[in-house]
Amino acid sequence: MKKLPHLFGLTLKSTVLCGTALALHGLATAQTASPAAWRFQLTPYVWMTGLDGRIKPLRGAPAAHVEQSFSDILENLDAAFFVSGTARQGRWVLHGDASHASASRSAALPLGISARAKVRQTSVTLTGGYNWQWAKQSSVDFLAGARLWDIDASVTLPGIATVQSSTSFVDPVVAVRWRYDFAPQWSSLVYVDTGGWGVGSDATWQMLGTLNYQWRENIHFSLGYRHLQVNYRNHGKQLDFSQGGPLVGATFQF
């Protein structure tokens, strides 16, 4: 998903976060039900995501740099989950996505000082819009809504001090999701959103792409990649981070 929150000017570069997630990122279901009936999707998945960014919680705070391999992330990961959902009625679409990740790690500062950095990031995206079925095997969702961010970050200098920062803001976003059925049991999904525009953050964007296989009538398996990024500046504070990595999951339609 982009850069990790700027807490201290701390360059937080975590490389892979492995999280179990629930996502309803849509494999759009076929229009088999009554137009008035609601249809839903649920996708538990594992996201092997990296974290990369800078953190500066307060004006004039020191910067730290953290790098983690995949095994390091698993060792230092405090918690992670990802949940998203889609509901459809006729051509109308509602979509929600929630993600949470918390990780901590020691980092080196100038003059041989060691610091302990911890970041907890939660984001919730809610959008709604309209589905355009431009071909029998393909359709596009046009969506608009908002993304709420809640980011807590801290840097501890053992025996010296602890600096903490808590930041919440809301970004407007617009999104497009394209599904294409290219074979009887195979489909692809591409989702892109962007927003911020100085309302909450300077910029935020997200990209998801999956290849999907229909194993049963209402069960699909997916393999793909997801990236999420945000850049935030406010009164000397910087919260920049990105999360990105492959994912595997199973989609249940009902």
C-alpha atoms as a PDB file:
ATOM      1  CA  MET A   1       0.000   0.000   0.000  1.00  0.00           C
ATOM      2  CA  LYS A   2       2.968   4.124   0.265  1.00  0.00           C
ATOM      3  CA  LYS A   3       4.935   5.675   2.998  1.00  0.00           C
ATOM      4  CA  LEU A   4       4.546   4.973   6.693  1.00  0.00           C
ATOM      5  CA  PRO A   5       3.502   7.710   9.063  1.00  0.00           C
ATOM      6  CA  HIS A   6       6.029  10.449   9.796  1.00  0.00           C
ATOM      7  CA  LEU A   7       6.358  10.443  13.464  1.00  0.00           C
ATOM      8  CA  PHE A   8       9.645  11.877  14.327  1.00  0.00           C
ATOM      9  CA  GLY A   9      11.039  12.336  10.954  1.00  0.00           C
ATOM     10  CA  LEU A  10      11.457   8.654  11.643  1.00  0.00           C
ATOM     11  CA  THR A  11      11.905   6.938   8.374  1.00  0.00           C
ATOM     12  CA  LEU A  12       9.877   3.866   9.039  1.00  0.00           C
ATOM     13  CA  LYS A  13      10.664   1.318   6.509  1.00  0.00           C
ATOM     14  CA  SER A  14       9.004  -1.925   7.477  1.00  0.00           C
ATOM     15  CA  THR A  15       9.108  -4.401   4.717  1.00  0.00           C
ATOM     16  CA  VAL A  16       6.424  -6.989   4.969  1.00  0.00           C
ATOM     17  CA  LEU A  17       3.396  -7.142   7.153  1.00  0.00           C
ATOM     18  CA  CYS A  18       1.524 -10.402   7.031  1.00  0.00           C
ATOM     19  CA  GLY A  19      -2.069  -9.934   7.988  1.00  0.00           C
ATOM     20  CA  THR A  20      -5.159 -12.018   7.980  1.00  0.00           C
ATOM     21  CA  ALA A  21      -7.923 -10.064   6.427  1.00  0.00           C
ATOM     22  CA  LEU A  22     -11.546 -10.045   5.602  1.00  0.00           C
ATOM     23  CA  ALA A  23     -12.322  -8.231   2.378  1.00  0.00           C
ATOM     24  CA  LEU A  24     -15.417  -7.772   0.369  1.00  0.00           C
ATOM     25  CA  HIS A  25     -13.436  -6.154  -2.470  1.00  0.00           C
ATOM     26  CA  GLY A  26     -15.615  -7.265  -5.165  1.00  0.00           C
ATOM     27  CA  LEU A  27     -15.676 -10.002  -7.588  1.00  0.00           C
ATOM     28  CA  ALA A  28     -18.936  -8.664  -8.948  1.00  0.00           C
ATOM     29  CA  THR A  29     -21.608 -11.312  -8.898  1.00  0.00           C
ATOM     30  CA  ALA A  30     -23.660 -12.116 -11.973  1.00  0.00           C
ATOM     31  CA  GLN A  31     -27.037 -10.462 -12.263  1.00  0.00           C
ATOM     32  CA  THR A  32     -28.934 -13.660 -11.453  1.00  0.00           C
ATOM     33  CA  ALA A  33     -31.017 -12.417  -8.524  1.00  0.00           C
ATOM     34  CA  SER A  34     -33.982 -10.076  -8.615  1.00  0.00           C
ATOM     35  CA  PRO A  35     -32.923  -6.438  -9.187  1.00  0.00           C
ATOM     36  CA  ALA A  36     -34.523  -5.583  -5.829  1.00  0.00           C
ATOM     37  CA  ALA A  37     -32.516  -8.235  -3.939  1.00  0.00           C
ATOM     38  CA  TRP A  38     -29.354  -7.332  -2.070  1.00  0.00           C
ATOM     39  CA  ARG A  39     -26.210  -9.322  -2.898  1.00  0.00           C
ATOM     40  CA  PHE A  40     -23.037  -9.473  -0.811  1.00  0.00           C
ATOM     41  CA  GLN A  41     -19.448 -10.745  -0.958  1.00  0.00           C
ATOM     42  CA  LEU A  42     -17.003 -11.761   1.756  1.00  0.00           C
ATOM     43  CA  THR A  43     -13.291 -12.434   1.175  1.00  0.00           C
ATOM     44  CA  PRO A  44     -10.978 -13.603   3.968  1.00  0.00           C
ATOM     45  CA  TYR A  45      -7.406 -13.204   2.724  1.00  0.00           C
ATOM     46  CA  VAL A  46      -3.770 -13.008   3.757  1.00  0.00           C
ATOM     47  CA  TRP A  47      -1.922  -9.847   2.742  1.00  0.00           C
ATOM     48  CA  MET A  48       1.878 -10.102   2.770  1.00  0.00           C
ATOM     49  CA  THR A  49       2.416  -6.372   2.828  1.00  0.00           C
ATOM     50  CA  GLY A  50       5.470  -4.245   3.395  1.00  0.00           C
ATOM     51  CA  LEU A  51       5.588  -0.958   5.276  1.00  0.00           C
ATOM     52  CA  ASP A  52       7.713   1.969   4.162  1.00  0.00           C
ATOM     53  CA  GLY A  53       7.707   5.554   5.365  1.00  0.00           C
ATOM     54  CA  ARG A  54       8.773   8.490   7.497  1.00  0.00           C
ATOM     55  CA  ILE A  55       7.334   9.615  10.833  1.00  0.00           C
ATOM     56  CA  LYS A  56       7.619  13.032  12.443  1.00  0.00           C
ATOM     57  CA  PRO A  57       5.086  13.395  15.264  1.00  0.00           C
ATOM     58  CA  LEU A  58       6.045  16.916  16.351  1.00  0.00           C
ATOM     59  CA  ARG A  59       7.788  19.961  14.908  1.00  0.00           C
ATOM     60  CA  GLY A  60      11.516  19.661  15.567  1.00  0.00           C
ATOM     61  CA  ALA A  61      11.328  16.022  16.665  1.00  0.00           C
ATOM     62  CA  PRO A  62      14.246  13.752  15.674  1.00  0.00           C
ATOM     63  CA  ALA A  63      14.091  11.342  12.762  1.00  0.00           C
ATOM     64  CA  ALA A  64      14.636   7.599  12.927  1.00  0.00           C
ATOM     65  CA  HIS A  65      14.977   4.980  10.224  1.00  0.00           C
ATOM     66  CA  VAL A  66      13.586   1.470  10.550  1.00  0.00           C
ATOM     67  CA  GLU A  67      14.048  -1.412   8.111  1.00  0.00           C
ATOM     68  CA  GLN A  68      12.525  -4.855   8.485  1.00  0.00           C
ATOM     69  CA  SER A  69      12.644  -8.009   6.443  1.00  0.00           C
ATOM     70  CA  PHE A  70       9.596 -10.247   6.108  1.00  0.00           C
ATOM     71  CA  SER A  71      10.748 -12.407   9.016  1.00  0.00           C
ATOM     72  CA  ASP A  72      11.430  -9.275  11.096  1.00  0.00           C
ATOM     73  CA  ILE A  73       7.901  -8.013  10.454  1.00  0.00           C
ATOM     74  CA  LEU A  74       6.406 -11.297  11.599  1.00  0.00           C
ATOM     75  CA  GLU A  75       8.517 -11.099  14.737  1.00  0.00           C
ATOM     76  CA  ASN A  76       7.691  -7.447  15.498  1.00  0.00           C
ATOM     77  CA  LEU A  77       4.106  -7.311  14.271  1.00  0.00           C
ATOM     78  CA  ASP A  78       1.746  -6.534  17.137  1.00  0.00           C
ATOM     79  CA  ALA A  79      -1.541  -6.962  15.262  1.00  0.00           C
ATOM     80  CA  ALA A  80      -3.053  -6.792  11.784  1.00  0.00           C
ATOM     81  CA  PHE A  81      -6.413  -7.323  10.161  1.00  0.00           C
ATOM     82  CA  PHE A  82      -8.128  -6.220   6.958  1.00  0.00           C
ATOM     83  CA  VAL A  83     -11.867  -6.318   6.318  1.00  0.00           C
ATOM     84  CA  SER A  84     -13.831  -5.055   3.371  1.00  0.00           C
ATOM     85  CA  GLY A  85     -17.366  -5.530   2.103  1.00  0.00           C
ATOM     86  CA  THR A  86     -19.559  -4.941  -0.917  1.00  0.00           C
ATOM     87  CA  ALA A  87     -23.355  -4.782  -1.138  1.00  0.00           C
ATOM     88  CA  ARG A  88     -25.290  -4.494  -4.409  1.00  0.00           C
ATOM     89  CA  GLN A  89     -28.898  -3.834  -5.288  1.00  0.00           C
ATOM     90  CA  GLY A  90     -29.536  -3.687  -9.008  1.00  0.00           C
ATOM     91  CA  ARG A  91     -26.933  -1.295 -10.404  1.00  0.00           C
ATOM     92  CA  TRP A  92     -26.288   0.463  -7.081  1.00  0.00           C
ATOM     93  CA  VAL A  93     -23.138  -0.406  -5.128  1.00  0.00           C
ATOM     94  CA  LEU A  94     -22.008   0.188  -1.534  1.00  0.00           C
ATOM     95  CA  HIS A  95     -18.434  -0.606  -0.595  1.00  0.00           C
ATOM     96  CA  GLY A  96     -16.561  -0.507   2.721  1.00  0.00           C
ATOM     97  CA  ASP A  97     -12.994  -1.339   3.644  1.00  0.00           C
ATOM     98  CA  ALA A  98     -11.217  -1.343   7.024  1.00  0.00           C
ATOM     99  CA  SER A  99      -7.564  -2.089   7.692  1.00  0.00           C
ATOM    100  CA  HIS A 100      -5.485  -2.074  10.854  1.00  0.00           C
ATOM    101  CA  ALA A 101      -1.796  -2.683  11.453  1.00  0.00           C
ATOM    102  CA  SER A 102       0.394  -2.201  14.497  1.00  0.00           C
ATOM    103  CA  ALA A 103       4.148  -2.801  14.568  1.00  0.00           C
ATOM    104  CA  SER A 104       7.118  -1.797  16.704  1.00  0.00           C
ATOM    105  CA  ARG A 105      10.840  -1.923  16.121  1.00  0.00           C
ATOM    106  CA  SER A 106      14.172  -0.604  17.391  1.00  0.00           C
ATOM    107  CA  ALA A 107      15.939   1.970  15.228  1.00  0.00           C
ATOM    108  CA  ALA A 108      19.273   3.752  15.157  1.00  0.00           C
ATOM    109  CA  LEU A 109      19.547   7.538  15.586  1.00  0.00           C
ATOM    110  CA  PRO A 110      22.590   9.784  15.145  1.00  0.00           C
ATOM    111  CA  LEU A 111      25.309   9.774  17.844  1.00  0.00           C
ATOM    112  CA  GLY A 112      24.791   6.065  18.446  1.00  0.00           C
ATOM    113  CA  ILE A 113      21.454   6.530  20.202  1.00  0.00           C
ATOM    114  CA  SER A 114      18.962   3.682  19.964  1.00  0.00           C
ATOM    115  CA  ALA A 115      15.229   4.372  19.714  1.00  0.00           C
ATOM    116  CA  ARG A 116      12.108   2.247  19.883  1.00  0.00           C
ATOM    117  CA  ALA A 117       9.494   3.193  17.280  1.00  0.00           C
ATOM    118  CA  LYS A 118       5.888   2.012  17.268  1.00  0.00           C
ATOM    119  CA  VAL A 119       3.164   2.808  14.759  1.00  0.00           C
ATOM    120  CA  ARG A 120      -0.517   1.867  14.805  1.00  0.00           C
ATOM    121  CA  GLN A 121      -2.497   2.674  11.664  1.00  0.00           C
ATOM    122  CA  THR A 122      -6.227   2.215  11.086  1.00  0.00           C
ATOM    123  CA  SER A 123      -8.079   3.287   7.961  1.00  0.00           C
ATOM    124  CA  VAL A 124     -11.752   2.934   7.022  1.00  0.00           C
ATOM    125  CA  THR A 125     -12.982   3.654   3.494  1.00  0.00           C
ATOM    126  CA  LEU A 126     -16.699   3.995   2.692  1.00  0.00           C
ATOM    127  CA  THR A 127     -17.904   4.556  -0.876  1.00  0.00           C
ATOM    128  CA  GLY A 128     -21.060   4.240  -2.920  1.00  0.00           C
ATOM    129  CA  GLY A 129     -21.865   4.475  -6.596  1.00  0.00           C
ATOM    130  CA  TYR A 130     -23.196   2.954  -9.779  1.00  0.00           C
ATOM    131  CA  ASN A 131     -22.352  -0.164 -11.791  1.00  0.00           C
ATOM    132  CA  TRP A 132     -22.097   0.068 -15.568  1.00  0.00           C
ATOM    133  CA  GLN A 133     -22.388  -3.295 -17.376  1.00  0.00           C
ATOM    134  CA  TRP A 134     -20.779  -2.357 -20.682  1.00  0.00           C
ATOM    135  CA  ALA A 135     -20.411  -5.974 -21.893  1.00  0.00           C
ATOM    136  CA  LYS A 136     -21.815  -9.360 -20.880  1.00  0.00           C
ATOM    137  CA  GLN A 137     -18.494 -10.448 -19.394  1.00  0.00           C
ATOM    138  CA  SER A 138     -17.359  -7.081 -18.013  1.00  0.00           C
ATOM    139  CA  SER A 139     -18.585  -4.263 -15.768  1.00  0.00           C
ATOM    140  CA  VAL A 140     -17.257  -1.115 -14.079  1.00  0.00           C
ATOM    141  CA  ASP A 141     -18.183   0.404 -10.698  1.00  0.00           C
ATOM    142  CA  PHE A 142     -17.874   4.197 -10.350  1.00  0.00           C
ATOM    143  CA  LEU A 143     -17.613   5.121  -6.645  1.00  0.00           C
ATOM    144  CA  ALA A 144     -17.148   8.159  -4.399  1.00  0.00           C
ATOM    145  CA  GLY A 145     -16.863   8.516  -0.638  1.00  0.00           C
ATOM    146  CA  ALA A 146     -14.367   9.115   2.155  1.00  0.00           C
ATOM    147  CA  ARG A 147     -11.433   7.470   3.947  1.00  0.00           C
ATOM    148  CA  LEU A 148     -10.920   7.954   7.689  1.00  0.00           C
ATOM    149  CA  TRP A 149      -7.382   7.684   9.032  1.00  0.00           C
ATOM    150  CA  ASP A 150      -6.380   7.145  12.665  1.00  0.00           C
ATOM    151  CA  ILE A 151      -2.615   6.976  13.186  1.00  0.00           C
ATOM    152  CA  ASP A 152      -0.778   6.698  16.502  1.00  0.00           C
ATOM    153  CA  ALA A 153       3.008   6.802  16.533  1.00  0.00           C
ATOM    154  CA  SER A 154       5.633   6.974  19.243  1.00  0.00           C
ATOM    155  CA  VAL A 155       9.402   7.014  19.577  1.00  0.00           C
ATOM    156  CA  THR A 156      11.078   6.117  22.851  1.00  0.00           C
ATOM    157  CA  LEU A 157      14.661   7.055  23.662  1.00  0.00           C
ATOM    158  CA  PRO A 158      15.551   4.713  26.550  1.00  0.00           C
ATOM    159  CA  GLY A 159      16.371   6.687  29.661  1.00  0.00           C
ATOM    160  CA  ILE A 160      15.738   9.998  27.888  1.00  0.00           C
ATOM    161  CA  ALA A 161      12.183  10.582  26.732  1.00  0.00           C
ATOM    162  CA  THR A 162       9.157   9.293  24.832  1.00  0.00           C
ATOM    163  CA  VAL A 163       7.444  11.329  22.145  1.00  0.00           C
ATOM    164  CA  GLN A 164       3.926  10.360  21.061  1.00  0.00           C
ATOM    165  CA  SER A 165       1.564  11.563  18.377  1.00  0.00           C
ATOM    166  CA  SER A 166      -2.065  10.751  17.603  1.00  0.00           C
ATOM    167  CA  THR A 167      -3.612  11.987  14.373  1.00  0.00           C
ATOM    168  CA  SER A 168      -7.051  11.491  12.802  1.00  0.00           C
ATOM    169  CA  PHE A 169      -8.312  12.975   9.547  1.00  0.00           C
ATOM    170  CA  VAL A 170     -10.748  12.271   6.724  1.00  0.00           C
ATOM    171  CA  ASP A 171      -9.950  12.230   3.000  1.00  0.00           C
ATOM    172  CA  PRO A 172     -12.503  12.429   0.180  1.00  0.00           C
ATOM    173  CA  VAL A 173     -11.880   9.687  -2.402  1.00  0.00           C
ATOM    174  CA  VAL A 174     -13.119   8.599  -5.810  1.00  0.00           C
ATOM    175  CA  ALA A 175     -12.704   5.037  -7.096  1.00  0.00           C
ATOM    176  CA  VAL A 176     -13.123   2.804 -10.134  1.00  0.00           C
ATOM    177  CA  ARG A 177     -13.409  -1.002 -10.042  1.00  0.00           C
ATOM    178  CA  TRP A 178     -13.303  -3.068 -13.237  1.00  0.00           C
ATOM    179  CA  ARG A 179     -14.208  -6.766 -13.478  1.00  0.00           C
ATOM    180  CA  TYR A 180     -13.594  -8.899 -16.558  1.00  0.00           C
ATOM    181  CA  ASP A 181     -14.603 -12.563 -17.049  1.00  0.00           C
ATOM    182  CA  PHE A 182     -12.128 -13.838 -19.640  1.00  0.00           C
ATOM    183  CA  ALA A 183     -12.936 -17.586 -19.352  1.00  0.00           C
ATOM    184  CA  PRO A 184     -15.797 -19.712 -17.937  1.00  0.00           C
ATOM    185  CA  GLN A 185     -14.156 -20.022 -14.492  1.00  0.00           C
ATOM    186  CA  TRP A 186     -11.613 -17.216 -14.609  1.00  0.00           C
ATOM    187  CA  SER A 187     -11.902 -13.479 -14.012  1.00  0.00           C
ATOM    188  CA  SER A 188      -9.781 -10.457 -13.185  1.00  0.00           C
ATOM    189  CA  LEU A 189     -10.451  -7.474 -10.924  1.00  0.00           C
ATOM    190  CA  VAL A 190      -8.726  -4.078 -10.865  1.00  0.00           C
ATOM    191  CA  TYR A 191      -9.575  -1.446  -8.215  1.00  0.00           C
ATOM    192  CA  VAL A 192      -8.047   2.051  -7.990  1.00  0.00           C
ATOM    193  CA  ASP A 193      -8.915   4.990  -5.746  1.00  0.00           C
ATOM    194  CA  THR A 194      -7.378   8.397  -5.114  1.00  0.00           C
ATOM    195  CA  GLY A 195      -8.129  11.356  -2.892  1.00  0.00           C
ATOM    196  CA  GLY A 196      -6.988  13.694  -0.136  1.00  0.00           C
ATOM    197  CA  TRP A 197      -6.401  16.843  -2.201  1.00  0.00           C
ATOM    198  CA  GLY A 198      -5.432  18.819   0.897  1.00  0.00           C
ATOM    199  CA  VAL A 199      -8.761  18.262   2.668  1.00  0.00           C
ATOM    200  CA  GLY A 200      -7.266  15.721   5.099  1.00  0.00           C
ATOM    201  CA  SER A 201      -3.948  14.506   3.723  1.00  0.00           C
ATOM    202  CA  ASP A 202      -2.015  15.995   0.825  1.00  0.00           C
ATOM    203  CA  ALA A 203      -2.664  12.806  -1.130  1.00  0.00           C
ATOM    204  CA  THR A 204      -3.804   9.218  -0.727  1.00  0.00           C
ATOM    205  CA  TRP A 205      -4.301   6.413  -3.219  1.00  0.00           C
ATOM    206  CA  GLN A 206      -4.892   2.676  -3.348  1.00  0.00           C
ATOM    207  CA  MET A 207      -4.554  -0.027  -6.005  1.00  0.00           C
ATOM    208  CA  LEU A 208      -5.719  -3.652  -5.996  1.00  0.00           C
ATOM    209  CA  GLY A 209      -5.472  -6.258  -8.737  1.00  0.00           C
ATOM    210  CA  THR A 210      -6.483  -9.935  -8.528  1.00  0.00           C
ATOM    211  CA  LEU A 211      -6.780 -13.020 -10.712  1.00  0.00           C
ATOM    212  CA  ASN A 212      -9.784 -15.098  -9.616  1.00  0.00           C
ATOM    213  CA  TYR A 213     -10.808 -18.734 -10.101  1.00  0.00           C
ATOM    214  CA  GLN A 214     -14.387 -19.957  -9.563  1.00  0.00           C
ATOM    215  CA  TRP A 215     -14.164 -23.211  -7.607  1.00  0.00           C
ATOM    216  CA  ARG A 216     -17.862 -23.491  -6.743  1.00  0.00           C
ATOM    217  CA  GLU A 217     -20.916 -21.459  -7.741  1.00  0.00           C
ATOM    218  CA  ASN A 218     -20.433 -18.969  -4.908  1.00  0.00           C
ATOM    219  CA  ILE A 219     -16.778 -19.548  -3.989  1.00  0.00           C
ATOM    220  CA  HIS A 220     -13.763 -18.010  -5.729  1.00  0.00           C
ATOM    221  CA  PHE A 221     -10.035 -18.179  -4.982  1.00  0.00           C
ATOM    222  CA  SER A 222      -7.917 -15.101  -5.639  1.00  0.00           C
ATOM    223  CA  LEU A 223      -4.247 -14.199  -6.098  1.00  0.00           C
ATOM    224  CA  GLY A 224      -3.236 -10.567  -6.427  1.00  0.00           C
ATOM    225  CA  TYR A 225      -1.458  -7.453  -5.202  1.00  0.00           C
ATOM    226  CA  ARG A 226      -2.568  -4.454  -3.127  1.00  0.00           C
ATOM    227  CA  HIS A 227      -0.939  -1.084  -2.422  1.00  0.00           C
ATOM    228  CA  LEU A 228      -2.098   1.717  -0.089  1.00  0.00           C
ATOM    229  CA  GLN A 229      -0.401   5.076   0.404  1.00  0.00           C
ATOM    230  CA  VAL A 230      -0.888   8.398   2.219  1.00  0.00           C
ATOM    231  CA  ASN A 231       1.080  11.679   2.605  1.00  0.00           C
ATOM    232  CA  TYR A 232       0.064  13.966   5.464  1.00  0.00           C
ATOM    233  CA  ARG A 233       1.511  17.303   6.651  1.00  0.00           C
ATOM    234  CA  ASN A 234       0.152  19.540   9.415  1.00  0.00           C
ATOM    235  CA  HIS A 235       1.911  22.098  11.671  1.00  0.00           C
ATOM    236  CA  GLY A 236       5.314  20.454  11.337  1.00  0.00           C
ATOM    237  CA  LYS A 237       3.930  16.946  11.703  1.00  0.00           C
ATOM    238  CA  GLN A 238       4.537  14.379   8.950  1.00  0.00           C
ATOM    239  CA  LEU A 239       2.734  11.090   8.566  1.00  0.00           C
ATOM    240  CA  ASP A 240       3.796   9.390   5.336  1.00  0.00           C
ATOM    241  CA  PHE A 241       3.538   5.680   4.720  1.00  0.00           C
ATOM    242  CA  SER A 242       2.887   3.009   2.140  1.00  0.00           C
ATOM    243  CA  GLN A 243       1.811  -0.614   2.437  1.00  0.00           C
ATOM    244  CA  GLY A 244       2.124  -3.000  -0.480  1.00  0.00           C
ATOM    245  CA  GLY A 245       2.417  -6.701  -1.189  1.00  0.00           C
ATOM    246  CA  PRO A 246       0.834  -9.853  -2.633  1.00  0.00           C
ATOM    247  CA  LEU A 247      -2.367 -11.352  -1.300  1.00  0.00           C
ATOM    248  CA  VAL A 248      -4.242 -14.646  -1.501  1.00  0.00           C
ATOM    249  CA  GLY A 249      -7.840 -15.168  -0.500  1.00  0.00           C
ATOM    250  CA  ALA A 250     -11.191 -16.876  -0.924  1.00  0.00           C
ATOM    251  CA  THR A 251     -14.392 -15.036  -1.856  1.00  0.00           C
ATOM    252  CA  PHE A 252     -17.829 -16.125  -0.666  1.00  0.00           C
ATOM    253  CA  GLN A 253     -20.863 -14.706  -2.454  1.00  0.00           C
ATOM    254  CA  PHE A 254     -24.366 -14.696  -0.942  1.00  0.00           C
END
